[in-house]
Amino acid sequence: MKKIAFPVALILAFAGLPLLIKSNYLLGILIIIGLYAIIVIGLGILMGYAGQVSFGHAAFFGIGGYTVAVLTTACHWPSIAALIAALILPGLVAAIIGGPTLKLKELYLALATLAFGILVHILFNELKGITGGPSGLTGIPYFTVGGLVFDRDIRFYYLVWSAVLLVSLGVNNLIHSRVGRAMRAVRESEHASESVGIDTAALKLQAFVFSAVLAGLAGGLYAFYVTFISPSPFGFHTSVQFVLMAVVGGLGTFWGPLLGAGLVVALGEALRWATPLVIPGAGGEYQIIFFGAILMLVMIVKPGGLGAVMDLFKKSEEGEAH
């Protein structure tokens, strides 16, 4: 009973939270945290279990967003069909570039994914006939399922966090499966994994494609939420932010993506408000300094990430139950 008490309490808290929050601004922040958490869950699989790093996931996030934008505005596709396409297209792109890219190691892999992200961001700006260029695309309809239109923040909150819950449970089952154990083996040693018959190349590619599909899902939902899309949210700094969320939350932990996304987004919003009060007239460069200093402190105090604390708590509860 104690084993399920905490997850149930957490689900009930998230379900009741919008009823207590009267501010659409705060509700919007929670929606963005949920969208980013979906992406970081995929990065957690890629980095924490398959042992591969990517600085290009903002590109997959953007591909998902632009897929929904183009299909719903220019082609007039229904919402669900456009969202499914937003999952498929980033996965196909990841499958195409993943083969040659994942043959690289460490720094070279990071640089290759970084170059991919920059290239896609340039295409978002330059393909004006499709993407609208720097001005972006407007008129994206609200997400609709049957007669239910997600045109209010509270409705979209429940949609996004339902997706987070389903993705989290699915990934939790995955990492405890045979495939999950194989990915952990690849992370520890590719040579040892290959010696026992694990196809490391295929496994890394599958993790890369899976993480891209989740980024596309988040991008599609993001487009439906803001009903406008432009290249600016999908630049290099966003990819770095996703990696930061994964590391701060804790690689290879269940709670890491949620905690990392929540901390980084909330910290960014808090510093945007507090920095001008501490230093009058301060610009974004001061926010970045404070942001970096605080995150360094978090990693010094808890180098395993915040998710490691939750996992230890969970293990202690399981130990008491036994």
Protein backbone atom coordinates (compact mmCIF):
# COMPACT_ATOMS: atom_id res chain seq x y z
CA MET A 1 0.00 0.00 0.00
CA LYS A 2 2.81 2.41 0.90
CA LYS A 3 4.46 1.56 -2.41
CA ILE A 4 1.69 3.22 -4.45
CA ALA A 5 0.70 5.93 -1.96
CA PHE A 6 3.23 8.51 -3.16
CA PRO A 7 2.51 8.17 -6.93
CA VAL A 8 -1.24 8.30 -6.28
CA ALA A 9 -0.85 11.40 -4.08
CA LEU A 10 1.27 13.05 -6.77
CA ILE A 11 -1.29 12.34 -9.50
CA LEU A 12 -4.09 13.72 -7.34
CA ALA A 13 -2.01 16.83 -6.61
CA PHE A 14 -1.45 17.52 -10.30
CA ALA A 15 -5.13 16.85 -11.03
CA GLY A 16 -6.26 19.31 -8.37
CA LEU A 17 -3.58 21.96 -8.95
CA PRO A 18 -5.39 23.85 -11.76
CA LEU A 19 -8.43 24.23 -9.51
CA LEU A 20 -6.28 26.12 -7.00
CA ILE A 21 -4.37 28.26 -9.51
CA LYS A 22 -6.27 31.33 -10.65
CA SER A 23 -3.46 32.70 -12.82
CA ASN A 24 -3.29 31.66 -16.49
CA TYR A 25 0.37 32.71 -16.40
CA LEU A 26 1.24 30.07 -13.79
CA LEU A 27 -0.91 27.50 -15.54
CA GLY A 28 0.95 28.27 -18.78
CA ILE A 29 4.29 27.67 -17.04
CA LEU A 30 3.07 24.25 -15.86
CA ILE A 31 2.02 23.41 -19.42
CA ILE A 32 5.47 24.34 -20.76
CA ILE A 33 7.11 22.27 -18.01
CA GLY A 34 4.98 19.30 -19.08
CA LEU A 35 5.93 19.74 -22.76
CA TYR A 36 9.62 20.00 -21.93
CA ALA A 37 9.37 17.00 -19.60
CA ILE A 38 8.19 14.85 -22.54
CA ILE A 39 11.31 15.83 -24.50
CA VAL A 40 13.63 15.28 -21.53
CA ILE A 41 12.13 11.83 -20.92
CA GLY A 42 13.27 10.91 -24.43
CA LEU A 43 16.68 12.47 -23.84
CA GLY A 44 16.90 10.49 -20.60
CA ILE A 45 16.54 7.28 -22.59
CA LEU A 46 19.14 8.40 -25.13
CA MET A 47 21.69 9.82 -22.67
CA GLY A 48 20.99 8.00 -19.42
CA TYR A 49 20.46 4.50 -20.78
CA ALA A 50 21.90 4.31 -24.31
CA GLY A 51 24.82 6.57 -23.34
CA GLN A 52 24.52 8.93 -26.35
CA VAL A 53 24.40 12.73 -26.20
CA SER A 54 22.40 15.05 -28.47
CA PHE A 55 22.54 18.82 -28.81
CA GLY A 56 20.02 18.81 -31.65
CA HIS A 57 16.72 17.92 -30.03
CA ALA A 58 15.31 21.42 -30.42
CA ALA A 59 15.32 20.60 -34.16
CA PHE A 60 13.04 17.58 -33.63
CA PHE A 61 10.89 19.72 -31.32
CA GLY A 62 10.61 22.29 -34.13
CA ILE A 63 9.95 19.70 -36.85
CA GLY A 64 7.01 18.41 -34.83
CA GLY A 65 5.69 21.93 -34.30
CA TYR A 66 6.02 22.97 -37.95
CA THR A 67 4.46 19.68 -39.12
CA VAL A 68 1.31 20.48 -37.16
CA ALA A 69 1.37 24.12 -38.27
CA VAL A 70 1.70 23.39 -42.00
CA LEU A 71 -0.71 20.44 -42.08
CA THR A 72 -3.47 22.24 -40.16
CA THR A 73 -3.19 25.66 -41.83
CA ALA A 74 -2.21 24.86 -45.43
CA CYS A 75 -3.54 21.32 -45.82
CA HIS A 76 -6.45 21.55 -43.34
CA TRP A 77 -5.72 18.18 -41.75
CA PRO A 78 -7.67 17.22 -38.61
CA SER A 79 -5.87 17.71 -35.32
CA ILE A 80 -5.21 14.07 -34.47
CA ALA A 81 -3.87 13.23 -37.95
CA ALA A 82 -1.54 16.25 -37.84
CA LEU A 83 -0.29 15.27 -34.38
CA ILE A 84 0.41 11.71 -35.53
CA ALA A 85 2.38 13.13 -38.46
CA ALA A 86 4.31 15.29 -35.96
CA LEU A 87 5.47 12.07 -34.28
CA ILE A 88 6.32 10.24 -37.51
CA LEU A 89 8.32 12.91 -39.37
CA PRO A 90 10.92 13.59 -36.64
CA GLY A 91 11.28 9.83 -36.21
CA LEU A 92 11.97 9.40 -39.93
CA VAL A 93 14.51 12.24 -39.92
CA ALA A 94 16.22 10.70 -36.87
CA ALA A 95 16.33 7.31 -38.58
CA ILE A 96 17.96 8.86 -41.67
CA ILE A 97 20.64 10.90 -39.89
CA GLY A 98 21.08 8.54 -36.93
CA GLY A 99 22.91 5.79 -38.85
CA PRO A 100 26.00 7.81 -39.79
CA THR A 101 25.81 10.22 -36.83
CA LEU A 102 25.74 7.61 -34.06
CA LYS A 103 28.92 6.01 -35.39
CA LEU A 104 30.71 9.03 -33.93
CA LYS A 105 31.84 9.11 -30.32
CA GLU A 106 31.68 11.63 -27.47
CA LEU A 107 32.70 15.14 -28.61
CA TYR A 108 32.31 14.33 -32.32
CA LEU A 109 28.78 13.04 -31.72
CA ALA A 110 27.90 16.19 -29.77
CA LEU A 111 29.26 18.39 -32.59
CA ALA A 112 27.38 16.41 -35.26
CA THR A 113 24.03 16.75 -33.46
CA LEU A 114 24.80 20.42 -32.81
CA ALA A 115 25.42 20.98 -36.53
CA PHE A 116 22.16 19.22 -37.38
CA GLY A 117 20.23 21.44 -34.97
CA ILE A 118 21.78 24.61 -36.41
CA LEU A 119 21.06 23.47 -39.98
CA VAL A 120 17.40 22.79 -39.24
CA HIS A 121 17.04 26.16 -37.48
CA ILE A 122 18.47 27.88 -40.57
CA LEU A 123 15.96 26.01 -42.76
CA PHE A 124 13.10 27.17 -40.54
CA ASN A 125 14.21 30.75 -41.21
CA GLU A 126 14.98 30.41 -44.91
CA LEU A 127 12.12 28.23 -46.24
CA LYS A 128 9.69 31.14 -46.14
CA GLY A 129 7.24 29.54 -48.54
CA ILE A 130 6.68 26.65 -46.11
CA THR A 131 7.60 27.91 -42.65
CA GLY A 132 6.82 31.61 -43.02
CA GLY A 133 10.47 32.46 -42.30
CA PRO A 134 11.31 34.54 -39.22
CA SER A 135 7.72 35.81 -39.06
CA GLY A 136 6.42 32.28 -38.56
CA LEU A 137 2.98 30.81 -39.17
CA THR A 138 -0.26 31.96 -37.58
CA GLY A 139 -3.80 30.63 -37.53
CA ILE A 140 -3.03 27.18 -36.10
CA PRO A 141 -6.36 25.79 -34.83
CA TYR A 142 -6.85 24.50 -31.30
CA PHE A 143 -6.43 20.78 -30.74
CA THR A 144 -9.78 19.03 -31.13
CA VAL A 145 -10.92 15.51 -30.27
CA GLY A 146 -14.47 14.86 -31.41
CA GLY A 147 -16.48 17.73 -30.01
CA LEU A 148 -13.93 18.63 -27.32
CA VAL A 149 -11.87 21.70 -28.15
CA PHE A 150 -8.76 22.38 -26.04
CA ASP A 151 -9.12 26.15 -26.24
CA ARG A 152 -8.54 26.91 -22.57
CA ASP A 153 -5.36 26.59 -20.51
CA ILE A 154 -6.97 24.30 -17.94
CA ARG A 155 -8.07 21.84 -20.64
CA PHE A 156 -4.65 21.88 -22.28
CA TYR A 157 -3.02 21.37 -18.90
CA TYR A 158 -4.88 18.09 -18.44
CA LEU A 159 -4.08 17.05 -22.03
CA VAL A 160 -0.35 17.69 -21.66
CA TRP A 161 0.03 16.12 -18.24
CA SER A 162 -2.00 13.09 -19.29
CA ALA A 163 0.53 12.68 -22.09
CA VAL A 164 3.40 13.07 -19.58
CA LEU A 165 1.86 10.38 -17.37
CA LEU A 166 1.36 7.92 -20.23
CA VAL A 167 4.85 8.50 -21.63
CA SER A 168 6.42 8.15 -18.16
CA LEU A 169 4.65 4.86 -17.46
CA GLY A 170 5.53 3.53 -20.91
CA VAL A 171 9.20 4.46 -20.53
CA ASN A 172 9.29 3.00 -17.00
CA ASN A 173 8.13 -0.34 -18.42
CA LEU A 174 10.68 -0.04 -21.24
CA ILE A 175 13.69 0.50 -19.00
CA HIS A 176 12.77 -2.52 -16.88
CA SER A 177 12.43 -4.72 -19.96
CA ARG A 178 15.06 -6.72 -21.80
CA VAL A 179 15.63 -3.77 -24.16
CA GLY A 180 16.21 -1.45 -21.21
CA ARG A 181 18.78 -3.79 -19.70
CA ALA A 182 20.52 -4.01 -23.08
CA MET A 183 20.66 -0.20 -23.32
CA ARG A 184 22.24 0.03 -19.88
CA ALA A 185 24.82 -2.52 -20.99
CA VAL A 186 25.62 -0.40 -24.07
CA ARG A 187 26.06 2.66 -21.86
CA GLU A 188 28.54 0.83 -19.63
CA SER A 189 30.59 -0.77 -22.43
CA GLU A 190 29.80 -1.14 -26.13
CA HIS A 191 32.56 -3.71 -26.64
CA ALA A 192 31.33 -5.91 -23.79
CA SER A 193 27.74 -5.60 -25.07
CA GLU A 194 28.74 -6.66 -28.56
CA SER A 195 30.66 -9.62 -27.16
CA VAL A 196 27.43 -11.03 -25.69
CA GLY A 197 25.47 -10.56 -28.92
CA ILE A 198 23.82 -7.15 -28.44
CA ASP A 199 23.42 -5.16 -31.67
CA THR A 200 24.67 -1.88 -30.24
CA ALA A 201 24.26 0.13 -33.45
CA ALA A 202 20.61 -0.84 -33.83
CA LEU A 203 19.91 -0.21 -30.15
CA LYS A 204 21.44 3.27 -30.20
CA LEU A 205 19.50 4.13 -33.35
CA GLN A 206 16.24 2.94 -31.78
CA ALA A 207 16.87 5.11 -28.71
CA PHE A 208 17.67 8.10 -30.95
CA VAL A 209 14.51 7.64 -33.02
CA PHE A 210 12.37 7.14 -29.92
CA SER A 211 13.68 10.33 -28.33
CA ALA A 212 13.00 12.23 -31.60
CA VAL A 213 9.42 10.92 -31.69
CA LEU A 214 8.81 12.23 -28.15
CA ALA A 215 10.32 15.59 -29.11
CA GLY A 216 7.97 15.68 -32.11
CA LEU A 217 5.01 14.93 -29.85
CA ALA A 218 5.94 17.85 -27.60
CA GLY A 219 6.46 20.10 -30.62
CA GLY A 220 3.05 19.23 -32.06
CA LEU A 221 1.31 19.90 -28.76
CA TYR A 222 3.26 23.15 -28.39
CA ALA A 223 1.99 24.35 -31.78
CA PHE A 224 -1.60 23.58 -30.81
CA TYR A 225 -1.11 25.40 -27.51
CA VAL A 226 0.39 28.68 -28.74
CA THR A 227 -1.46 28.60 -32.14
CA PHE A 228 1.55 30.39 -33.64
CA ILE A 229 4.99 29.12 -34.48
CA SER A 230 8.30 30.77 -35.42
CA PRO A 231 11.94 29.60 -35.50
CA SER A 232 13.04 31.37 -32.29
CA PRO A 233 12.00 28.66 -29.76
CA PHE A 234 13.94 25.99 -31.66
CA GLY A 235 17.48 27.34 -31.63
CA PHE A 236 20.73 25.98 -30.18
CA HIS A 237 20.09 27.46 -26.73
CA THR A 238 16.90 25.38 -26.46
CA SER A 239 18.81 22.16 -27.21
CA VAL A 240 21.34 23.05 -24.53
CA GLN A 241 18.50 23.76 -22.14
CA PHE A 242 17.02 20.29 -22.76
CA VAL A 243 20.38 18.62 -22.05
CA LEU A 244 20.69 20.76 -18.92
CA MET A 245 17.27 19.62 -17.73
CA ALA A 246 18.22 15.99 -18.26
CA VAL A 247 21.52 16.32 -16.36
CA VAL A 248 20.17 18.43 -13.49
CA GLY A 249 17.17 16.13 -13.09
CA GLY A 250 19.38 13.05 -13.09
CA LEU A 251 20.21 10.76 -15.99
CA GLY A 252 18.73 7.30 -15.75
CA THR A 253 16.16 8.21 -13.07
CA PHE A 254 12.36 8.05 -13.25
CA TRP A 255 11.70 11.46 -11.67
CA GLY A 256 14.66 13.23 -13.28
CA PRO A 257 12.89 14.62 -16.38
CA LEU A 258 10.02 16.09 -14.36
CA LEU A 259 12.28 17.61 -11.72
CA GLY A 260 14.85 18.88 -14.24
CA ALA A 261 12.26 20.50 -16.50
CA GLY A 262 10.44 22.00 -13.52
CA LEU A 263 13.57 23.43 -11.93
CA VAL A 264 15.06 24.94 -15.09
CA VAL A 265 11.80 26.51 -16.30
CA ALA A 266 10.82 27.80 -12.86
CA LEU A 267 14.33 29.12 -12.22
CA GLY A 268 14.36 30.95 -15.55
CA GLU A 269 11.00 32.60 -14.81
CA ALA A 270 12.02 33.51 -11.25
CA LEU A 271 15.29 35.10 -12.38
CA ARG A 272 13.50 37.07 -15.11
CA TRP A 273 11.41 38.64 -12.34
CA ALA A 274 13.98 38.89 -9.54
CA THR A 275 17.15 40.04 -11.34
CA PRO A 276 15.91 43.60 -12.11
CA LEU A 277 14.93 43.97 -8.43
CA VAL A 278 18.44 43.05 -7.27
CA ILE A 279 20.27 44.93 -10.03
CA PRO A 280 18.11 47.74 -11.47
CA GLY A 281 18.26 47.88 -15.25
CA ALA A 282 19.92 44.46 -15.49
CA GLY A 283 19.48 42.67 -18.81
CA GLY A 284 19.40 39.04 -19.85
CA GLU A 285 23.16 38.60 -19.46
CA TYR A 286 22.85 38.94 -15.66
CA GLN A 287 20.05 36.38 -15.61
CA ILE A 288 22.30 33.92 -17.44
CA ILE A 289 25.10 34.46 -14.89
CA PHE A 290 22.80 33.85 -11.91
CA PHE A 291 21.17 30.93 -13.73
CA GLY A 292 24.50 29.24 -14.36
CA ALA A 293 25.74 29.84 -10.81
CA ILE A 294 22.63 28.33 -9.23
CA LEU A 295 22.71 25.28 -11.49
CA MET A 296 26.41 24.76 -10.75
CA LEU A 297 25.57 24.82 -7.04
CA VAL A 298 22.83 22.21 -7.57
CA MET A 299 25.23 19.91 -9.42
CA ILE A 300 27.95 20.34 -6.78
CA VAL A 301 25.54 19.53 -3.94
CA LYS A 302 23.84 16.68 -5.80
CA PRO A 303 25.97 15.54 -8.77
CA GLY A 304 23.66 12.58 -9.44
CA GLY A 305 20.79 14.94 -10.17
CA LEU A 306 17.57 15.67 -8.32
CA GLY A 307 15.93 12.48 -9.57
CA ALA A 308 18.44 10.41 -7.59
CA VAL A 309 16.94 11.81 -4.36
CA MET A 310 13.47 10.64 -5.37
CA ASP A 311 14.77 7.22 -6.40
CA LEU A 312 16.47 6.81 -3.02
CA PHE A 313 13.24 7.79 -1.29
CA LYS A 314 11.36 5.23 -3.37
CA LYS A 315 13.89 2.48 -2.58
CA SER A 316 13.71 3.26 1.14
CA GLU A 317 9.92 2.96 1.02
CA GLU A 318 10.18 -0.37 -0.80
CA GLY A 319 12.68 -1.58 1.79
CA GLU A 320 10.32 -0.68 4.63
CA ALA A 321 7.47 -2.43 2.82
CA HIS A 322 9.51 -5.64 2.68
